Amino acid sequence: MKDVEFVAGDSSDKTMLILQSLLCVLREKNLLTRADIENLCDKVQASAADHAQNPLPCCDASALAAA
């Protein structure tokens, strides 16, 4: 795997890279099917589309503090 350097302030890029890497590993190990990934994408899109009524479970400040 390539070494990637990050600059401060791009926590969303780091988060996406980590999520994509996890999904790839789970898929390679046959722990996650393509249908599972598509189902997960649908759920995330539905939650993001209705953010006022059903906000995503974390906020930027908490996610940044956890990173």
C-alpha atoms as a PDB file:
ATOM      1  CA  MET A   1       0.000   0.000   0.000  1.00  0.00           C
ATOM      2  CA  LYS A   2       1.238   3.464  -0.828  1.00  0.00           C
ATOM      3  CA  ASP A   3       2.202   5.925   1.869  1.00  0.00           C
ATOM      4  CA  VAL A   4      -0.138   8.892   1.873  1.00  0.00           C
ATOM      5  CA  GLU A   5       0.562  12.191   3.594  1.00  0.00           C
ATOM      6  CA  PHE A   6      -2.289  14.299   4.879  1.00  0.00           C
ATOM      7  CA  VAL A   7      -2.376  17.948   5.745  1.00  0.00           C
ATOM      8  CA  ALA A   8      -4.346  19.354   8.646  1.00  0.00           C
ATOM      9  CA  GLY A   9      -7.921  20.172   7.782  1.00  0.00           C
ATOM     10  CA  ASP A  10      -8.673  17.309   5.414  1.00  0.00           C
ATOM     11  CA  SER A  11     -10.250  14.999   7.977  1.00  0.00           C
ATOM     12  CA  SER A  12     -13.099  14.129   5.605  1.00  0.00           C
ATOM     13  CA  ASP A  13     -10.538  12.904   3.053  1.00  0.00           C
ATOM     14  CA  LYS A  14      -8.895  10.739   5.711  1.00  0.00           C
ATOM     15  CA  THR A  15     -12.260   9.384   6.768  1.00  0.00           C
ATOM     16  CA  MET A  16     -13.197   8.456   3.215  1.00  0.00           C
ATOM     17  CA  LEU A  17      -9.845   6.782   2.641  1.00  0.00           C
ATOM     18  CA  ILE A  18     -10.220   4.724   5.821  1.00  0.00           C
ATOM     19  CA  LEU A  19     -13.786   3.706   4.952  1.00  0.00           C
ATOM     20  CA  GLN A  20     -12.851   2.761   1.399  1.00  0.00           C
ATOM     21  CA  SER A  21      -9.902   0.724   2.673  1.00  0.00           C
ATOM     22  CA  LEU A  22     -12.078  -1.091   5.206  1.00  0.00           C
ATOM     23  CA  LEU A  23     -14.705  -1.876   2.589  1.00  0.00           C
ATOM     24  CA  CYS A  24     -12.039  -3.219   0.229  1.00  0.00           C
ATOM     25  CA  VAL A  25     -10.530  -5.454   2.896  1.00  0.00           C
ATOM     26  CA  LEU A  26     -13.923  -6.789   3.957  1.00  0.00           C
ATOM     27  CA  ARG A  27     -14.813  -7.436   0.322  1.00  0.00           C
ATOM     28  CA  GLU A  28     -11.497  -9.208  -0.372  1.00  0.00           C
ATOM     29  CA  LYS A  29     -12.015 -11.447   2.672  1.00  0.00           C
ATOM     30  CA  ASN A  30     -15.545 -12.293   1.449  1.00  0.00           C
ATOM     31  CA  LEU A  31     -17.041 -10.842   4.613  1.00  0.00           C
ATOM     32  CA  LEU A  32     -19.020  -8.312   2.622  1.00  0.00           C
ATOM     33  CA  THR A  33     -20.889  -8.865  -0.619  1.00  0.00           C
ATOM     34  CA  ARG A  34     -21.541  -6.354  -3.362  1.00  0.00           C
ATOM     35  CA  ALA A  35     -25.209  -6.407  -2.340  1.00  0.00           C
ATOM     36  CA  ASP A  36     -24.188  -5.539   1.240  1.00  0.00           C
ATOM     37  CA  ILE A  37     -22.195  -2.553  -0.014  1.00  0.00           C
ATOM     38  CA  GLU A  38     -25.074  -1.372  -2.209  1.00  0.00           C
ATOM     39  CA  ASN A  39     -27.482  -1.718   0.738  1.00  0.00           C
ATOM     40  CA  LEU A  40     -25.126   0.278   2.940  1.00  0.00           C
ATOM     41  CA  CYS A  41     -24.848   3.006   0.267  1.00  0.00           C
ATOM     42  CA  ASP A  42     -28.648   3.229   0.038  1.00  0.00           C
ATOM     43  CA  LYS A  43     -28.959   3.592   3.822  1.00  0.00           C
ATOM     44  CA  VAL A  44     -26.284   6.296   3.993  1.00  0.00           C
ATOM     45  CA  GLN A  45     -27.826   8.224   1.092  1.00  0.00           C
ATOM     46  CA  ALA A  46     -31.261   8.072   2.738  1.00  0.00           C
ATOM     47  CA  SER A  47     -29.862   9.335   6.045  1.00  0.00           C
ATOM     48  CA  ALA A  48     -27.893  12.118   4.376  1.00  0.00           C
ATOM     49  CA  ALA A  49     -30.896  13.219   2.307  1.00  0.00           C
ATOM     50  CA  ASP A  50     -33.082  13.568   5.408  1.00  0.00           C
ATOM     51  CA  HIS A  51     -30.460  15.213   7.607  1.00  0.00           C
ATOM     52  CA  ALA A  52     -32.898  17.628   9.303  1.00  0.00           C
ATOM     53  CA  GLN A  53     -35.175  14.816  10.495  1.00  0.00           C
ATOM     54  CA  ASN A  54     -32.616  12.058  10.980  1.00  0.00           C
ATOM     55  CA  PRO A  55     -29.096  13.475  11.369  1.00  0.00           C
ATOM     56  CA  LEU A  56     -26.100  11.282  10.886  1.00  0.00           C
ATOM     57  CA  PRO A  57     -24.949   9.766  14.184  1.00  0.00           C
ATOM     58  CA  CYS A  58     -21.800  11.809  14.518  1.00  0.00           C
ATOM     59  CA  CYS A  59     -20.850  15.425  14.107  1.00  0.00           C
ATOM     60  CA  ASP A  60     -17.693  16.900  12.587  1.00  0.00           C
ATOM     61  CA  ALA A  61     -16.253  18.016  15.933  1.00  0.00           C
ATOM     62  CA  SER A  62     -16.601  14.576  17.496  1.00  0.00           C
ATOM     63  CA  ALA A  63     -15.219  12.843  14.421  1.00  0.00           C
ATOM     64  CA  LEU A  64     -12.246  15.197  14.315  1.00  0.00           C
ATOM     65  CA  ALA A  65     -11.574  14.696  18.030  1.00  0.00           C
ATOM     66  CA  ALA A  66     -11.694  10.926  17.566  1.00  0.00           C
ATOM     67  CA  ALA A  67      -9.200  11.098  14.700  1.00  0.00           C
END
